[in-house]
């Protein structure tokens, strides 16, 4: 049977900003209840008292806060943040010829001098994150391929963890929610066993760095 609690949970999950606000404890339960009241009454087909909605929101909020506290206890963000500027992001259609051509890109970069090259394979597309100074040469190498999109002026924000990162649910979600809360767009998300990398716009880099600093401080 559908209840006020079920509808409150559904509405919160449909609205990431509301979800994050409840986790952070910055949303008024009474104000949110008024905001949800019409939608809840419409789904239930009857009038619902505001205090009942407030109670449902409070109980769900306590559940979210409890889960958040457990995650903080089980996994601490004892990490460092590394930012690399001057990156570009290029996406091409995936094909056997494109896969063969990509091998030529690895001879361009010099990792010892801090160059970046990440190749991300999807089912139908390939995205290349590379130091922007090589972008023209990459386009020349891929001139016979179908280039879908090119973005410049990007930054990578890398966060390193212990190997427990790989086996701890919700870590990537927690970091991405923090960036979403700051209205920061993520172009790419790259992860390995102990490293999480976000590709973002240069204009968002300072806010992203500060958001991650706060996340690290909150976990200690």
C-alpha atoms as a PDB file:
ATOM      1  CA  UNK A   1       0.000   0.000   0.000  1.00  0.00           C
ATOM      2  CA  UNK A   2       1.323   3.432  -0.976  1.00  0.00           C
ATOM      3  CA  UNK A   3       1.898   5.659   2.035  1.00  0.00           C
ATOM      4  CA  UNK A   4       3.085   9.207   2.707  1.00  0.00           C
ATOM      5  CA  UNK A   5       6.510   7.802   3.622  1.00  0.00           C
ATOM      6  CA  UNK A   6       6.804   5.918   0.315  1.00  0.00           C
ATOM      7  CA  UNK A   7       5.916   9.009  -1.707  1.00  0.00           C
ATOM      8  CA  UNK A   8       8.299  11.223   0.287  1.00  0.00           C
ATOM      9  CA  UNK A   9      11.140   8.788  -0.390  1.00  0.00           C
ATOM     10  CA  UNK A  10      10.321   8.701  -4.117  1.00  0.00           C
ATOM     11  CA  UNK A  11      10.110  12.486  -4.406  1.00  0.00           C
ATOM     12  CA  UNK A  12      13.413  13.005  -2.588  1.00  0.00           C
ATOM     13  CA  UNK A  13      15.216  10.446  -4.769  1.00  0.00           C
ATOM     14  CA  UNK A  14      13.889  12.187  -7.887  1.00  0.00           C
ATOM     15  CA  UNK A  15      15.451  15.481  -6.771  1.00  0.00           C
ATOM     16  CA  UNK A  16      19.230  15.205  -6.171  1.00  0.00           C
ATOM     17  CA  UNK A  17      19.524  18.686  -4.688  1.00  0.00           C
ATOM     18  CA  UNK A  18      16.825  17.889  -2.131  1.00  0.00           C
ATOM     19  CA  UNK A  19      18.492  14.562  -1.317  1.00  0.00           C
ATOM     20  CA  UNK A  20      21.849  16.221  -0.750  1.00  0.00           C
ATOM     21  CA  UNK A  21      20.231  19.006   1.274  1.00  0.00           C
ATOM     22  CA  UNK A  22      18.661  16.478   3.634  1.00  0.00           C
ATOM     23  CA  UNK A  23      21.966  14.627   4.021  1.00  0.00           C
ATOM     24  CA  UNK A  24      23.721  17.906   4.823  1.00  0.00           C
ATOM     25  CA  UNK A  25      20.906  19.014   7.151  1.00  0.00           C
ATOM     26  CA  UNK A  26      20.321  22.355   5.407  1.00  0.00           C
ATOM     27  CA  UNK A  27      16.690  21.909   4.333  1.00  0.00           C
ATOM     28  CA  UNK A  28      13.706  22.867   6.474  1.00  0.00           C
ATOM     29  CA  UNK A  29      11.460  19.835   6.965  1.00  0.00           C
ATOM     30  CA  UNK A  30       8.391  22.049   7.298  1.00  0.00           C
ATOM     31  CA  UNK A  31       9.236  24.002   4.150  1.00  0.00           C
ATOM     32  CA  UNK A  32       9.869  20.807   2.189  1.00  0.00           C
ATOM     33  CA  UNK A  33       6.587  19.339   3.460  1.00  0.00           C
ATOM     34  CA  UNK A  34       4.675  22.329   2.085  1.00  0.00           C
ATOM     35  CA  UNK A  35       6.526  21.969  -1.216  1.00  0.00           C
ATOM     36  CA  UNK A  36       5.624  18.264  -1.453  1.00  0.00           C
ATOM     37  CA  UNK A  37       2.050  18.492  -0.107  1.00  0.00           C
ATOM     38  CA  UNK A  38       0.170  18.990  -3.393  1.00  0.00           C
ATOM     39  CA  UNK A  39       2.078  16.197  -5.124  1.00  0.00           C
ATOM     40  CA  UNK A  40       1.570  13.789  -2.223  1.00  0.00           C
ATOM     41  CA  UNK A  41      -2.168  14.528  -2.058  1.00  0.00           C
ATOM     42  CA  UNK A  42      -2.450  14.061  -5.814  1.00  0.00           C
ATOM     43  CA  UNK A  43      -0.794  10.620  -5.652  1.00  0.00           C
ATOM     44  CA  UNK A  44      -2.835   9.485  -2.651  1.00  0.00           C
ATOM     45  CA  UNK A  45      -6.070  10.992  -3.951  1.00  0.00           C
ATOM     46  CA  UNK A  46      -6.926  12.582  -0.607  1.00  0.00           C
ATOM     47  CA  UNK A  47      -5.997  15.411   1.754  1.00  0.00           C
ATOM     48  CA  UNK A  48      -2.916  14.863   3.900  1.00  0.00           C
ATOM     49  CA  UNK A  49      -2.120  16.798   7.076  1.00  0.00           C
ATOM     50  CA  UNK A  50       1.107  18.778   6.915  1.00  0.00           C
ATOM     51  CA  UNK A  51       2.438  17.345  10.230  1.00  0.00           C
ATOM     52  CA  UNK A  52       2.211  13.830   8.765  1.00  0.00           C
ATOM     53  CA  UNK A  53       4.384  14.867   5.832  1.00  0.00           C
ATOM     54  CA  UNK A  54       6.854  16.630   8.130  1.00  0.00           C
ATOM     55  CA  UNK A  55       7.140  13.454  10.227  1.00  0.00           C
ATOM     56  CA  UNK A  56       7.752  11.305   7.128  1.00  0.00           C
ATOM     57  CA  UNK A  57      10.464  13.702   5.927  1.00  0.00           C
ATOM     58  CA  UNK A  58      12.081  13.796   9.366  1.00  0.00           C
ATOM     59  CA  UNK A  59      12.211   9.999   9.605  1.00  0.00           C
ATOM     60  CA  UNK A  60      13.657   9.641   6.117  1.00  0.00           C
ATOM     61  CA  UNK A  61      16.168  12.420   6.800  1.00  0.00           C
ATOM     62  CA  UNK A  62      17.336  10.622   9.946  1.00  0.00           C
ATOM     63  CA  UNK A  63      17.837   7.458   7.875  1.00  0.00           C
ATOM     64  CA  UNK A  64      19.963   9.354   5.340  1.00  0.00           C
ATOM     65  CA  UNK A  65      22.029  11.021   8.059  1.00  0.00           C
ATOM     66  CA  UNK A  66      22.603   7.643   9.714  1.00  0.00           C
ATOM     67  CA  UNK A  67      23.788   6.087   6.468  1.00  0.00           C
ATOM     68  CA  UNK A  68      26.063   9.052   5.861  1.00  0.00           C
ATOM     69  CA  UNK A  69      27.565   8.699   9.346  1.00  0.00           C
ATOM     70  CA  UNK A  70      28.258   4.995   8.764  1.00  0.00           C
ATOM     71  CA  UNK A  71      30.061   5.747   5.501  1.00  0.00           C
ATOM     72  CA  UNK A  72      32.199   8.371   7.215  1.00  0.00           C
ATOM     73  CA  UNK A  73      33.112   5.851   9.896  1.00  0.00           C
ATOM     74  CA  UNK A  74      33.868   3.006   7.483  1.00  0.00           C
ATOM     75  CA  UNK A  75      35.842   5.042   4.950  1.00  0.00           C
ATOM     76  CA  UNK A  76      37.901   8.148   5.587  1.00  0.00           C
ATOM     77  CA  UNK A  77      38.938  10.419   2.755  1.00  0.00           C
ATOM     78  CA  UNK A  78      42.572  10.548   3.875  1.00  0.00           C
ATOM     79  CA  UNK A  79      43.820  11.634   0.509  1.00  0.00           C
ATOM     80  CA  UNK A  80      45.554  14.250  -1.598  1.00  0.00           C
ATOM     81  CA  UNK A  81      44.102  16.320  -4.406  1.00  0.00           C
ATOM     82  CA  UNK A  82      46.118  16.836  -7.595  1.00  0.00           C
ATOM     83  CA  UNK A  83      44.995  19.303 -10.269  1.00  0.00           C
ATOM     84  CA  UNK A  84      46.327  19.301 -13.846  1.00  0.00           C
ATOM     85  CA  UNK A  85      45.387  22.085 -16.237  1.00  0.00           C
ATOM     86  CA  UNK A  86      45.569  22.530 -19.994  1.00  0.00           C
ATOM     87  CA  UNK A  87      43.571  19.482 -21.075  1.00  0.00           C
ATOM     88  CA  UNK A  88      41.285  18.738 -24.004  1.00  0.00           C
ATOM     89  CA  UNK A  89      38.556  16.124 -24.454  1.00  0.00           C
ATOM     90  CA  UNK A  90      37.835  14.619 -27.888  1.00  0.00           C
ATOM     91  CA  UNK A  91      35.231  11.968 -28.753  1.00  0.00           C
ATOM     92  CA  UNK A  92      35.185   9.838 -31.935  1.00  0.00           C
ATOM     93  CA  UNK A  93      32.995   7.058 -33.239  1.00  0.00           C
ATOM     94  CA  UNK A  94      34.388   3.654 -32.293  1.00  0.00           C
ATOM     95  CA  UNK A  95      35.532   1.507 -35.218  1.00  0.00           C
ATOM     96  CA  UNK A  96      38.240  -1.096 -35.901  1.00  0.00           C
ATOM     97  CA  UNK A  97      40.216   1.516 -37.848  1.00  0.00           C
ATOM     98  CA  UNK A  98      39.918   4.055 -35.025  1.00  0.00           C
ATOM     99  CA  UNK A  99      41.178   1.491 -32.523  1.00  0.00           C
ATOM    100  CA  UNK A 100      44.229   0.860 -34.674  1.00  0.00           C
ATOM    101  CA  UNK A 101      44.857   4.594 -35.197  1.00  0.00           C
ATOM    102  CA  UNK A 102      44.739   5.293 -31.463  1.00  0.00           C
ATOM    103  CA  UNK A 103      48.022   3.460 -30.956  1.00  0.00           C
ATOM    104  CA  UNK A 104      49.811   6.416 -32.553  1.00  0.00           C
ATOM    105  CA  UNK A 105      48.679   8.740 -29.760  1.00  0.00           C
ATOM    106  CA  UNK A 106      50.862   7.095 -27.138  1.00  0.00           C
ATOM    107  CA  UNK A 107      54.019   8.242 -28.921  1.00  0.00           C
ATOM    108  CA  UNK A 108      52.901  11.877 -28.607  1.00  0.00           C
ATOM    109  CA  UNK A 109      52.905  12.263 -24.843  1.00  0.00           C
ATOM    110  CA  UNK A 110      55.745  12.339 -22.358  1.00  0.00           C
ATOM    111  CA  UNK A 111      54.413  11.137 -19.001  1.00  0.00           C
ATOM    112  CA  UNK A 112      57.719  11.970 -17.289  1.00  0.00           C
ATOM    113  CA  UNK A 113      57.144  15.632 -18.132  1.00  0.00           C
ATOM    114  CA  UNK A 114      53.589  15.611 -16.809  1.00  0.00           C
ATOM    115  CA  UNK A 115      51.660  15.042 -20.039  1.00  0.00           C
ATOM    116  CA  UNK A 116      48.198  13.510 -19.843  1.00  0.00           C
ATOM    117  CA  UNK A 117      46.587  10.839 -22.006  1.00  0.00           C
ATOM    118  CA  UNK A 118      43.495   8.898 -20.997  1.00  0.00           C
ATOM    119  CA  UNK A 119      41.578   6.805 -23.525  1.00  0.00           C
ATOM    120  CA  UNK A 120      38.054   5.809 -22.483  1.00  0.00           C
ATOM    121  CA  UNK A 121      36.281   3.111 -24.483  1.00  0.00           C
ATOM    122  CA  UNK A 122      32.498   2.980 -24.639  1.00  0.00           C
ATOM    123  CA  UNK A 123      30.377   0.578 -26.666  1.00  0.00           C
ATOM    124  CA  UNK A 124      30.084   2.962 -29.606  1.00  0.00           C
ATOM    125  CA  UNK A 125      32.409   5.868 -28.850  1.00  0.00           C
ATOM    126  CA  UNK A 126      35.967   6.551 -27.739  1.00  0.00           C
ATOM    127  CA  UNK A 127      36.871   9.594 -25.666  1.00  0.00           C
ATOM    128  CA  UNK A 128      40.427  10.883 -25.487  1.00  0.00           C
ATOM    129  CA  UNK A 129      41.570  13.180 -22.691  1.00  0.00           C
ATOM    130  CA  UNK A 130      44.943  14.636 -23.608  1.00  0.00           C
ATOM    131  CA  UNK A 131      47.156  17.641 -22.960  1.00  0.00           C
ATOM    132  CA  UNK A 132      45.668  20.449 -25.048  1.00  0.00           C
ATOM    133  CA  UNK A 133      48.998  21.286 -26.684  1.00  0.00           C
ATOM    134  CA  UNK A 134      48.669  18.028 -28.662  1.00  0.00           C
ATOM    135  CA  UNK A 135      45.076  18.624 -29.819  1.00  0.00           C
ATOM    136  CA  UNK A 136      45.914  19.713 -33.379  1.00  0.00           C
ATOM    137  CA  UNK A 137      48.175  16.701 -33.834  1.00  0.00           C
ATOM    138  CA  UNK A 138      45.472  14.396 -32.470  1.00  0.00           C
ATOM    139  CA  UNK A 139      42.959  15.837 -34.947  1.00  0.00           C
ATOM    140  CA  UNK A 140      45.446  15.250 -37.758  1.00  0.00           C
ATOM    141  CA  UNK A 141      45.990  11.644 -36.687  1.00  0.00           C
ATOM    142  CA  UNK A 142      42.208  11.105 -36.498  1.00  0.00           C
ATOM    143  CA  UNK A 143      41.345  13.103 -39.625  1.00  0.00           C
ATOM    144  CA  UNK A 144      39.720  10.087 -41.294  1.00  0.00           C
ATOM    145  CA  UNK A 145      37.589   9.301 -38.234  1.00  0.00           C
ATOM    146  CA  UNK A 146      34.217  10.793 -37.324  1.00  0.00           C
ATOM    147  CA  UNK A 147      34.907  13.301 -34.545  1.00  0.00           C
ATOM    148  CA  UNK A 148      31.739  13.861 -32.486  1.00  0.00           C
ATOM    149  CA  UNK A 149      32.852  16.522 -30.033  1.00  0.00           C
ATOM    150  CA  UNK A 150      35.864  18.515 -28.854  1.00  0.00           C
ATOM    151  CA  UNK A 151      36.180  20.391 -25.560  1.00  0.00           C
ATOM    152  CA  UNK A 152      39.111  22.596 -24.545  1.00  0.00           C
ATOM    153  CA  UNK A 153      40.143  24.468 -21.418  1.00  0.00           C
ATOM    154  CA  UNK A 154      39.677  21.485 -19.122  1.00  0.00           C
ATOM    155  CA  UNK A 155      41.269  20.412 -15.850  1.00  0.00           C
ATOM    156  CA  UNK A 156      41.714  17.026 -14.205  1.00  0.00           C
ATOM    157  CA  UNK A 157      41.151  16.700 -10.475  1.00  0.00           C
ATOM    158  CA  UNK A 158      42.685  13.514  -9.127  1.00  0.00           C
ATOM    159  CA  UNK A 159      41.986  12.030  -5.702  1.00  0.00           C
ATOM    160  CA  UNK A 160      44.045   9.080  -4.440  1.00  0.00           C
ATOM    161  CA  UNK A 161      42.755   6.558  -1.902  1.00  0.00           C
ATOM    162  CA  UNK A 162      43.763   3.332  -0.232  1.00  0.00           C
ATOM    163  CA  UNK A 163      42.717   0.066  -1.902  1.00  0.00           C
ATOM    164  CA  UNK A 164      39.583   0.064   0.309  1.00  0.00           C
ATOM    165  CA  UNK A 165      38.126   2.595  -2.169  1.00  0.00           C
ATOM    166  CA  UNK A 166      37.499  -0.252  -4.613  1.00  0.00           C
ATOM    167  CA  UNK A 167      35.373  -2.185  -2.115  1.00  0.00           C
ATOM    168  CA  UNK A 168      33.457   0.641  -0.406  1.00  0.00           C
ATOM    169  CA  UNK A 169      29.965   1.378  -1.824  1.00  0.00           C
ATOM    170  CA  UNK A 170      28.930   4.965  -2.372  1.00  0.00           C
ATOM    171  CA  UNK A 171      32.326   6.698  -2.492  1.00  0.00           C
ATOM    172  CA  UNK A 172      32.046   7.879  -6.100  1.00  0.00           C
ATOM    173  CA  UNK A 173      28.444   8.952  -5.473  1.00  0.00           C
ATOM    174  CA  UNK A 174      29.497  10.964  -2.439  1.00  0.00           C
ATOM    175  CA  UNK A 175      32.182  12.832  -4.355  1.00  0.00           C
ATOM    176  CA  UNK A 176      29.971  13.505  -7.382  1.00  0.00           C
ATOM    177  CA  UNK A 177      27.154  14.745  -5.110  1.00  0.00           C
ATOM    178  CA  UNK A 178      29.597  17.203  -3.564  1.00  0.00           C
ATOM    179  CA  UNK A 179      30.466  18.562  -7.007  1.00  0.00           C
ATOM    180  CA  UNK A 180      26.802  18.593  -8.050  1.00  0.00           C
ATOM    181  CA  UNK A 181      25.983  20.640  -4.955  1.00  0.00           C
ATOM    182  CA  UNK A 182      28.467  23.246  -6.211  1.00  0.00           C
ATOM    183  CA  UNK A 183      26.858  23.155  -9.698  1.00  0.00           C
ATOM    184  CA  UNK A 184      30.067  21.796 -11.249  1.00  0.00           C
ATOM    185  CA  UNK A 185      29.714  19.921 -14.519  1.00  0.00           C
ATOM    186  CA  UNK A 186      31.743  16.708 -14.868  1.00  0.00           C
ATOM    187  CA  UNK A 187      32.914  15.991 -18.421  1.00  0.00           C
ATOM    188  CA  UNK A 188      34.533  12.640 -17.632  1.00  0.00           C
ATOM    189  CA  UNK A 189      34.923  10.359 -14.629  1.00  0.00           C
ATOM    190  CA  UNK A 190      37.934   8.011 -14.679  1.00  0.00           C
ATOM    191  CA  UNK A 191      38.744   5.547 -11.902  1.00  0.00           C
ATOM    192  CA  UNK A 192      41.352   2.900 -11.116  1.00  0.00           C
ATOM    193  CA  UNK A 193      41.802   0.732  -8.032  1.00  0.00           C
ATOM    194  CA  UNK A 194      43.067   3.610  -5.886  1.00  0.00           C
ATOM    195  CA  UNK A 195      42.478   6.749  -7.939  1.00  0.00           C
ATOM    196  CA  UNK A 196      39.435   8.801  -8.902  1.00  0.00           C
ATOM    197  CA  UNK A 197      39.790  11.461 -11.617  1.00  0.00           C
ATOM    198  CA  UNK A 198      37.237  14.057 -12.679  1.00  0.00           C
ATOM    199  CA  UNK A 199      37.580  16.119 -15.842  1.00  0.00           C
ATOM    200  CA  UNK A 200      35.997  19.537 -15.335  1.00  0.00           C
ATOM    201  CA  UNK A 201      36.079  22.998 -16.873  1.00  0.00           C
ATOM    202  CA  UNK A 202      38.910  25.289 -15.871  1.00  0.00           C
ATOM    203  CA  UNK A 203      36.425  27.940 -14.665  1.00  0.00           C
ATOM    204  CA  UNK A 204      35.119  25.456 -12.070  1.00  0.00           C
ATOM    205  CA  UNK A 205      38.523  24.248 -10.855  1.00  0.00           C
ATOM    206  CA  UNK A 206      38.858  26.479  -7.789  1.00  0.00           C
ATOM    207  CA  UNK A 207      35.353  25.720  -6.526  1.00  0.00           C
ATOM    208  CA  UNK A 208      35.894  22.003  -7.170  1.00  0.00           C
ATOM    209  CA  UNK A 209      39.167  22.024  -5.244  1.00  0.00           C
ATOM    210  CA  UNK A 210      37.566  23.781  -2.284  1.00  0.00           C
ATOM    211  CA  UNK A 211      34.623  21.343  -2.345  1.00  0.00           C
ATOM    212  CA  UNK A 212      36.996  18.387  -2.205  1.00  0.00           C
ATOM    213  CA  UNK A 213      38.991  19.997   0.591  1.00  0.00           C
ATOM    214  CA  UNK A 214      35.807  20.334   2.631  1.00  0.00           C
ATOM    215  CA  UNK A 215      34.953  16.694   1.927  1.00  0.00           C
ATOM    216  CA  UNK A 216      38.352  15.579   3.211  1.00  0.00           C
ATOM    217  CA  UNK A 217      38.023  17.754   6.311  1.00  0.00           C
ATOM    218  CA  UNK A 218      34.498  16.472   7.058  1.00  0.00           C
ATOM    219  CA  UNK A 219      35.642  12.848   6.922  1.00  0.00           C
ATOM    220  CA  UNK A 220      38.358  13.307   9.575  1.00  0.00           C
END
